[in-house]
C-alpha atoms as a PDB file:
ATOM      1  CA  MET A   1      86.345 151.560  42.745  1.00  0.00           C
ATOM      2  CA  ILE A   2      87.829 149.923  39.456  1.00  0.00           C
ATOM      3  CA  ALA A   3      90.707 152.759  39.365  1.00  0.00           C
ATOM      4  CA  ALA A   4      91.895 152.269  43.163  1.00  0.00           C
ATOM      5  CA  ARG A   5      91.904 148.777  42.803  1.00  0.00           C
ATOM      6  CA  LEU A   6      94.411 149.045  39.725  1.00  0.00           C
ATOM      7  CA  TRP A   7      96.329 151.195  41.145  1.00  0.00           C
ATOM      8  CA  ALA A   8      96.807 149.214  44.234  1.00  0.00           C
ATOM      9  CA  MET A   9      97.967 146.230  42.343  1.00  0.00           C
ATOM     10  CA  THR A  10     100.124 148.209  40.170  1.00  0.00           C
ATOM     11  CA  SER A  11     102.091 149.072  43.392  1.00  0.00           C
ATOM     12  CA  LEU A  12     102.147 145.597  44.749  1.00  0.00           C
ATOM     13  CA  THR A  13     105.440 144.493  46.283  1.00  0.00           C
ATOM     14  CA  LEU A  14     106.164 140.635  45.377  1.00  0.00           C
ATOM     15  CA  PRO A  15     105.370 139.214  48.596  1.00  0.00           C
ATOM     16  CA  GLU A  16     102.302 141.063  48.540  1.00  0.00           C
ATOM     17  CA  GLU A  17     101.177 139.622  45.027  1.00  0.00           C
ATOM     18  CA  PHE A  18     102.589 136.099  46.396  1.00  0.00           C
ATOM     19  CA  VAL A  19     100.342 136.424  49.557  1.00  0.00           C
ATOM     20  CA  LEU A  20      97.422 137.593  47.566  1.00  0.00           C
ATOM     21  CA  MET A  21      97.599 134.529  45.592  1.00  0.00           C
ATOM     22  CA  LEU A  22      97.965 132.199  48.671  1.00  0.00           C
ATOM     23  CA  GLN A  23      94.547 133.157  50.034  1.00  0.00           C
ATOM     24  CA  ARG A  24      91.799 131.397  49.582  1.00  0.00           C
ATOM     25  CA  GLU A  25      88.088 132.686  48.787  1.00  0.00           C
ATOM     26  CA  ASN A  26      87.009 131.099  52.030  1.00  0.00           C
ATOM     27  CA  GLY A  27      89.683 132.805  54.115  1.00  0.00           C
ATOM     28  CA  SER A  28      91.928 129.913  54.480  1.00  0.00           C
ATOM     29  CA  TYR A  29      95.485 129.620  52.676  1.00  0.00           C
ATOM     30  CA  TYR A  30      97.828 127.338  51.367  1.00  0.00           C
ATOM     31  CA  SER A  31     100.583 125.847  53.041  1.00  0.00           C
ATOM     32  CA  ALA A  32     102.975 127.550  50.634  1.00  0.00           C
ATOM     33  CA  SER A  33     102.498 130.700  53.038  1.00  0.00           C
ATOM     34  CA  ASP A  34     105.631 129.142  54.676  1.00  0.00           C
ATOM     35  CA  HIS A  35     107.688 130.687  52.142  1.00  0.00           C
ATOM     36  CA  ALA A  36     106.588 133.995  51.700  1.00  0.00           C
ATOM     37  CA  GLY A  37     110.494 134.594  52.657  1.00  0.00           C
ATOM     38  CA  ALA A  38     111.395 133.837  49.630  1.00  0.00           C
ATOM     39  CA  ALA A  39     109.216 136.593  47.666  1.00  0.00           C
ATOM     40  CA  GLU A  40     110.638 138.934  50.415  1.00  0.00           C
ATOM     41  CA  LEU A  41     114.298 137.950  49.049  1.00  0.00           C
ATOM     42  CA  GLY A  42     112.928 138.383  45.582  1.00  0.00           C
ATOM     43  CA  GLU A  43     111.751 141.893  46.228  1.00  0.00           C
ATOM     44  CA  LEU A  44     115.329 142.969  47.694  1.00  0.00           C
ATOM     45  CA  VAL A  45     116.969 142.011  44.853  1.00  0.00           C
ATOM     46  CA  LEU A  46     114.828 143.670  42.754  1.00  0.00           C
ATOM     47  CA  ARG A  47     115.373 146.708  45.197  1.00  0.00           C
ATOM     48  CA  ASN A  48     119.021 145.936  44.879  1.00  0.00           C
ATOM     49  CA  ARG A  49     119.330 145.300  48.420  1.00  0.00           C
ATOM     50  CA  VAL A  50     120.571 141.890  48.121  1.00  0.00           C
ATOM     51  CA  SER A  51     122.152 139.637  45.566  1.00  0.00           C
ATOM     52  CA  PHE A  52     123.291 136.084  45.545  1.00  0.00           C
ATOM     53  CA  THR A  53     126.431 134.166  45.690  1.00  0.00           C
ATOM     54  CA  GLY A  54     125.313 130.759  44.753  1.00  0.00           C
ATOM     55  CA  LYS A  55     122.526 130.053  47.111  1.00  0.00           C
ATOM     56  CA  LYS A  56     123.714 132.627  49.787  1.00  0.00           C
ATOM     57  CA  VAL A  57     122.165 135.922  50.105  1.00  0.00           C
ATOM     58  CA  GLN A  58     124.637 138.785  50.133  1.00  0.00           C
ATOM     59  CA  MET A  59     123.771 142.473  51.902  1.00  0.00           C
ATOM     60  CA  ASP A  60     124.676 145.191  49.013  1.00  0.00           C
ATOM     61  CA  ASP A  61     122.524 147.975  50.250  1.00  0.00           C
ATOM     62  CA  PRO A  62     121.447 148.108  54.373  1.00  0.00           C
ATOM     63  CA  SER A  63     119.862 151.510  54.261  1.00  0.00           C
ATOM     64  CA  PRO A  64     116.584 151.828  55.568  1.00  0.00           C
ATOM     65  CA  THR A  65     113.870 151.028  52.976  1.00  0.00           C
ATOM     66  CA  GLY A  66     110.860 152.553  54.742  1.00  0.00           C
ATOM     67  CA  LEU A  67     109.156 149.492  54.482  1.00  0.00           C
ATOM     68  CA  GLY A  68     108.953 147.504  57.820  1.00  0.00           C
ATOM     69  CA  TRP A  69     108.984 143.880  56.543  1.00  0.00           C
ATOM     70  CA  ALA A  70     112.076 144.603  54.413  1.00  0.00           C
ATOM     71  CA  ASP A  71     113.963 146.548  57.357  1.00  0.00           C
ATOM     72  CA  GLU A  72     113.242 143.568  59.309  1.00  0.00           C
ATOM     73  CA  CYS A  73     114.974 141.204  56.681  1.00  0.00           C
ATOM     74  CA  ILE A  74     117.956 143.755  56.418  1.00  0.00           C
ATOM     75  CA  ALA A  75     118.564 143.511  60.034  1.00  0.00           C
ATOM     76  CA  TYR A  76     118.285 139.656  60.179  1.00  0.00           C
ATOM     77  CA  LEU A  77     120.918 139.358  57.209  1.00  0.00           C
ATOM     78  CA  GLN A  78     123.055 141.725  59.137  1.00  0.00           C
ATOM     79  CA  GLN A  79     122.919 140.139  62.145  1.00  0.00           C
ATOM     80  CA  LYS A  80     123.447 136.525  60.674  1.00  0.00           C
ATOM     81  CA  GLY A  81     126.149 138.108  58.542  1.00  0.00           C
ATOM     82  CA  GLY A  82     128.286 139.562  61.373  1.00  0.00           C
ATOM     83  CA  PRO A  83     130.907 142.190  61.129  1.00  0.00           C
ATOM     84  CA  LYS A  84     132.479 140.802  58.132  1.00  0.00           C
ATOM     85  CA  ALA A  85     128.958 140.843  56.253  1.00  0.00           C
ATOM     86  CA  LYS A  86     129.263 137.537  55.452  1.00  0.00           C
ATOM     87  CA  PRO A  87     126.727 136.050  52.880  1.00  0.00           C
ATOM     88  CA  VAL A  88     123.595 134.115  54.598  1.00  0.00           C
ATOM     89  CA  ALA A  89     122.182 130.713  53.539  1.00  0.00           C
ATOM     90  CA  ALA A  90     118.886 131.661  51.639  1.00  0.00           C
ATOM     91  CA  THR A  91     117.301 128.639  53.009  1.00  0.00           C
ATOM     92  CA  SER A  92     117.955 129.861  56.588  1.00  0.00           C
ATOM     93  CA  PHE A  93     116.468 133.154  55.769  1.00  0.00           C
ATOM     94  CA  ILE A  94     113.294 131.727  54.192  1.00  0.00           C
ATOM     95  CA  GLN A  95     112.955 129.573  57.363  1.00  0.00           C
ATOM     96  CA  HIS A  96     113.313 132.171  59.640  1.00  0.00           C
ATOM     97  CA  ARG A  97     110.878 134.281  57.919  1.00  0.00           C
ATOM     98  CA  ARG A  98     108.023 131.578  57.403  1.00  0.00           C
ATOM     99  CA  LYS A  99     105.461 133.408  59.865  1.00  0.00           C
ATOM    100  CA  VAL A 100     105.391 136.534  58.080  1.00  0.00           C
ATOM    101  CA  ARG A 101     101.922 135.966  56.010  1.00  0.00           C
ATOM    102  CA  LYS A 102      99.567 138.187  58.277  1.00  0.00           C
ATOM    103  CA  GLN A 103     102.198 140.715  58.111  1.00  0.00           C
ATOM    104  CA  HIS A 104     101.510 141.136  54.218  1.00  0.00           C
ATOM    105  CA  CYS A 105      97.812 140.449  54.413  1.00  0.00           C
ATOM    106  CA  ALA A 106      97.731 143.292  56.768  1.00  0.00           C
ATOM    107  CA  ALA A 107      99.341 145.418  54.220  1.00  0.00           C
ATOM    108  CA  LEU A 108      96.760 144.243  51.725  1.00  0.00           C
ATOM    109  CA  VAL A 109      93.960 145.153  53.826  1.00  0.00           C
ATOM    110  CA  GLU A 110      95.324 148.649  53.865  1.00  0.00           C
ATOM    111  CA  ARG A 111      95.589 148.759  50.023  1.00  0.00           C
ATOM    112  CA  GLY A 112      91.972 147.746  49.979  1.00  0.00           C
ATOM    113  CA  LEU A 113      92.694 144.129  48.338  1.00  0.00           C
ATOM    114  CA  MET A 114      92.020 141.896  51.405  1.00  0.00           C
ATOM    115  CA  ARG A 115      89.362 141.956  53.874  1.00  0.00           C
ATOM    116  CA  HIS A 116      90.092 141.050  57.767  1.00  0.00           C
ATOM    117  CA  GLU A 117      87.727 139.472  60.006  1.00  0.00           C
ATOM    118  CA  GLN A 118      88.567 138.390  63.247  1.00  0.00           C
ATOM    119  CA  ARG A 119      86.671 135.316  64.961  1.00  0.00           C
ATOM    120  CA  THR A 120      86.957 132.903  67.848  1.00  0.00           C
ATOM    121  CA  ALA A 121      86.530 129.538  68.579  1.00  0.00           C
ATOM    122  CA  LEU A 122      86.368 127.901  71.915  1.00  0.00           C
ATOM    123  CA  LEU A 123      86.937 131.107  72.761  1.00  0.00           C
ATOM    124  CA  ILE A 124      90.348 131.797  71.371  1.00  0.00           C
ATOM    125  CA  PRO A 125      90.490 134.533  68.536  1.00  0.00           C
ATOM    126  CA  TYR A 126      91.911 133.964  65.214  1.00  0.00           C
ATOM    127  CA  ASP A 127      92.141 135.848  61.912  1.00  0.00           C
ATOM    128  CA  LYS A 128      90.880 135.219  58.632  1.00  0.00           C
ATOM    129  CA  TYR A 129      91.747 137.407  55.464  1.00  0.00           C
ATOM    130  CA  PHE A 130      89.529 137.378  52.513  1.00  0.00           C
ATOM    131  CA  PRO A 131      91.077 138.270  49.376  1.00  0.00           C
ATOM    132  CA  ASP A 132      89.648 140.450  46.494  1.00  0.00           C
ATOM    133  CA  GLN A 133      88.942 138.044  44.102  1.00  0.00           C
ATOM    134  CA  VAL A 134      89.313 140.169  40.899  1.00  0.00           C
ATOM    135  CA  ALA A 135      92.460 141.461  42.030  1.00  0.00           C
ATOM    136  CA  ARG A 136      93.480 137.623  43.022  1.00  0.00           C
ATOM    137  CA  THR A 137      92.249 136.265  39.570  1.00  0.00           C
ATOM    138  CA  ALA A 138      94.246 138.790  37.307  1.00  0.00           C
ATOM    139  CA  LEU A 139      97.508 138.016  39.150  1.00  0.00           C
ATOM    140  CA  ILE A 140      96.701 134.183  38.177  1.00  0.00           C
ATOM    141  CA  ASP A 141      95.514 135.092  34.674  1.00  0.00           C
ATOM    142  CA  GLU A 142      98.759 137.411  34.495  1.00  0.00           C
ATOM    143  CA  LEU A 143     100.997 134.237  35.369  1.00  0.00           C
ATOM    144  CA  ARG A 144      98.953 132.070  32.677  1.00  0.00           C
ATOM    145  CA  SER A 145      99.795 134.612  29.947  1.00  0.00           C
ATOM    146  CA  ILE A 146     103.221 134.181  30.896  1.00  0.00           C
ATOM    147  CA  ALA A 147     102.968 130.591  30.899  1.00  0.00           C
ATOM    148  CA  ARG A 148     101.320 130.511  27.529  1.00  0.00           C
ATOM    149  CA  ASP A 149     104.408 132.930  26.163  1.00  0.00           C
ATOM    150  CA  GLU A 150     101.577 135.398  25.349  1.00  0.00           C
ATOM    151  CA  ARG A 151     103.320 138.045  27.821  1.00  0.00           C
ATOM    152  CA  GLU A 152     106.929 138.852  27.551  1.00  0.00           C
ATOM    153  CA  LEU A 153     108.732 138.218  30.807  1.00  0.00           C
ATOM    154  CA  ASP A 154     110.447 140.958  32.913  1.00  0.00           C
ATOM    155  CA  ASN A 155     112.391 141.011  36.044  1.00  0.00           C
ATOM    156  CA  ARG A 156     109.291 141.013  38.463  1.00  0.00           C
ATOM    157  CA  SER A 157     107.257 138.504  36.524  1.00  0.00           C
ATOM    158  CA  ALA A 158     109.866 136.284  36.093  1.00  0.00           C
ATOM    159  CA  LEU A 159     110.470 136.057  39.967  1.00  0.00           C
ATOM    160  CA  LEU A 160     106.812 135.780  40.687  1.00  0.00           C
ATOM    161  CA  ALA A 161     106.657 132.817  38.140  1.00  0.00           C
ATOM    162  CA  ALA A 162     109.512 130.956  39.630  1.00  0.00           C
ATOM    163  CA  LEU A 163     107.948 131.421  43.376  1.00  0.00           C
ATOM    164  CA  VAL A 164     104.804 130.144  42.605  1.00  0.00           C
ATOM    165  CA  HIS A 165     106.426 126.593  40.750  1.00  0.00           C
ATOM    166  CA  ALA A 166     108.940 126.259  43.351  1.00  0.00           C
ATOM    167  CA  THR A 167     106.416 126.646  46.407  1.00  0.00           C
ATOM    168  CA  GLY A 168     103.868 123.965  44.555  1.00  0.00           C
ATOM    169  CA  LEU A 169     101.105 127.219  44.423  1.00  0.00           C
ATOM    170  CA  VAL A 170     100.688 126.745  40.811  1.00  0.00           C
ATOM    171  CA  ARG A 171      99.173 123.202  41.442  1.00  0.00           C
ATOM    172  CA  HIS A 172      95.786 125.126  42.748  1.00  0.00           C
ATOM    173  CA  PHE A 173      95.356 127.082  39.860  1.00  0.00           C
ATOM    174  CA  GLY A 174      94.445 124.677  37.233  1.00  0.00           C
ATOM    175  CA  PHE A 175      97.557 125.343  34.872  1.00  0.00           C
ATOM    176  CA  GLU A 176      97.907 122.933  32.120  1.00  0.00           C
ATOM    177  CA  ARG A 177     100.657 120.645  31.934  1.00  0.00           C
ATOM    178  CA  ALA A 178     102.560 122.442  29.093  1.00  0.00           C
ATOM    179  CA  GLU A 179     102.068 125.916  31.344  1.00  0.00           C
ATOM    180  CA  ARG A 180     103.500 124.424  33.977  1.00  0.00           C
ATOM    181  CA  LYS A 181     106.504 123.094  32.080  1.00  0.00           C
ATOM    182  CA  ARG A 182     107.089 126.790  31.093  1.00  0.00           C
ATOM    183  CA  LEU A 183     107.019 127.799  34.747  1.00  0.00           C
ATOM    184  CA  LYS A 184     109.616 125.459  35.566  1.00  0.00           C
ATOM    185  CA  GLU A 185     111.991 126.472  32.790  1.00  0.00           C
ATOM    186  CA  ILE A 186     111.467 130.019  34.044  1.00  0.00           C
ATOM    187  CA  SER A 187     112.303 128.972  37.677  1.00  0.00           C
ATOM    188  CA  LYS A 188     115.599 127.463  36.630  1.00  0.00           C
ATOM    189  CA  GLY A 189     116.582 130.577  34.955  1.00  0.00           C
ATOM    190  CA  GLU A 190     116.114 129.249  31.549  1.00  0.00           C
ATOM    191  CA  GLU A 191     115.068 130.898  28.418  1.00  0.00           C
ATOM    192  CA  LEU A 192     114.026 134.051  30.140  1.00  0.00           C
ATOM    193  CA  GLY A 193     114.237 136.589  27.296  1.00  0.00           C
ATOM    194  CA  LYS A 194     116.075 139.938  26.972  1.00  0.00           C
ATOM    195  CA  ALA A 195     114.100 141.855  29.075  1.00  0.00           C
ATOM    196  CA  VAL A 196     114.982 139.876  32.158  1.00  0.00           C
ATOM    197  CA  ALA A 197     118.499 141.053  33.883  1.00  0.00           C
ATOM    198  CA  ALA A 198     121.160 138.473  34.133  1.00  0.00           C
ATOM    199  CA  VAL A 199     121.217 139.305  37.982  1.00  0.00           C
ATOM    200  CA  ILE A 200     117.647 138.589  38.105  1.00  0.00           C
ATOM    201  CA  ALA A 201     118.084 135.215  35.992  1.00  0.00           C
ATOM    202  CA  ALA A 202     120.662 134.203  38.741  1.00  0.00           C
ATOM    203  CA  ALA A 203     118.566 135.195  41.670  1.00  0.00           C
ATOM    204  CA  THR A 204     115.392 133.446  40.140  1.00  0.00           C
ATOM    205  CA  ALA A 205     117.203 130.050  40.165  1.00  0.00           C
ATOM    206  CA  ALA A 206     118.711 130.583  43.573  1.00  0.00           C
ATOM    207  CA  ILE A 207     115.568 131.417  45.269  1.00  0.00           C
ATOM    208  CA  THR A 208     113.842 128.261  43.532  1.00  0.00           C
ATOM    209  CA  ALA A 209     116.430 126.024  44.645  1.00  0.00           C
ATOM    210  CA  SER A 210     116.724 127.450  48.108  1.00  0.00           C
ATOM    211  CA  THR A 211     112.740 127.193  48.522  1.00  0.00           C
ATOM    212  CA  ILE A 212     112.792 123.771  47.515  1.00  0.00           C
ATOM    213  CA  ALA A 213     115.331 123.011  49.631  1.00  0.00           C
ATOM    214  CA  ALA A 214     113.960 124.758  52.768  1.00  0.00           C
ATOM    215  CA  SER A 215     110.639 122.948  52.125  1.00  0.00           C
ATOM    216  CA  SER A 216     112.682 119.629  52.222  1.00  0.00           C
ATOM    217  CA  ALA A 217     114.112 120.652  55.566  1.00  0.00           C
ATOM    218  CA  ALA A 218     110.788 121.612  57.125  1.00  0.00           C
ATOM    219  CA  MET A 219     109.268 118.229  56.029  1.00  0.00           C
ATOM    220  CA  GLY A 220     112.504 116.483  57.500  1.00  0.00           C
ATOM    221  CA  GLY A 221     112.034 118.270  61.026  1.00  0.00           C
ATOM    222  CA  GLY A 222     114.433 120.679  60.181  1.00  0.00           C
ATOM    223  CA  SER A 223     114.019 124.370  61.433  1.00  0.00           C
END
């Protein structure tokens, strides 16, 4: 059981890691779920499918990925970019993908890292997803180690740390002020260390800025 859980965790995508931390023990989830699309962008960058031109997303490799959500993202970017493959505003992408939490929850259920229950209220069915608490806690502890500079950053952890800061999710994890400050530095693409590629540093800063902008647009009534 433990070995299976560890294997499942090592193969998680960035949006799966993000969504696993979003889900609370009681099956509810934090409002940062609207920004799961930012985590999807991060994974596409890691897979060399997209890159950033400022705060816009440039399609680099539109070939099929074998992942349903990733192919949906690529199709959207191609449609928005048009025949000239113009870069697409990251804020637009994040807002377009704001309802994808359940899609990644379902993937986590298949991995054995989340439990699904369908319930009803006033005869209306709804879904509840309960995270594997050991796996969720391990992810949060990993971030805390990074925030304390106890663990070297790599491309994936830099993006995850930036997402947790930019979406405000870090506020729910009980991190100390100095730890939150370090995540903020990472989110700006600053002092990332030699293990983080320059393209990832640029993407980290761009995704952070775009996520914050998408939050502001949503609160202001934008779509």
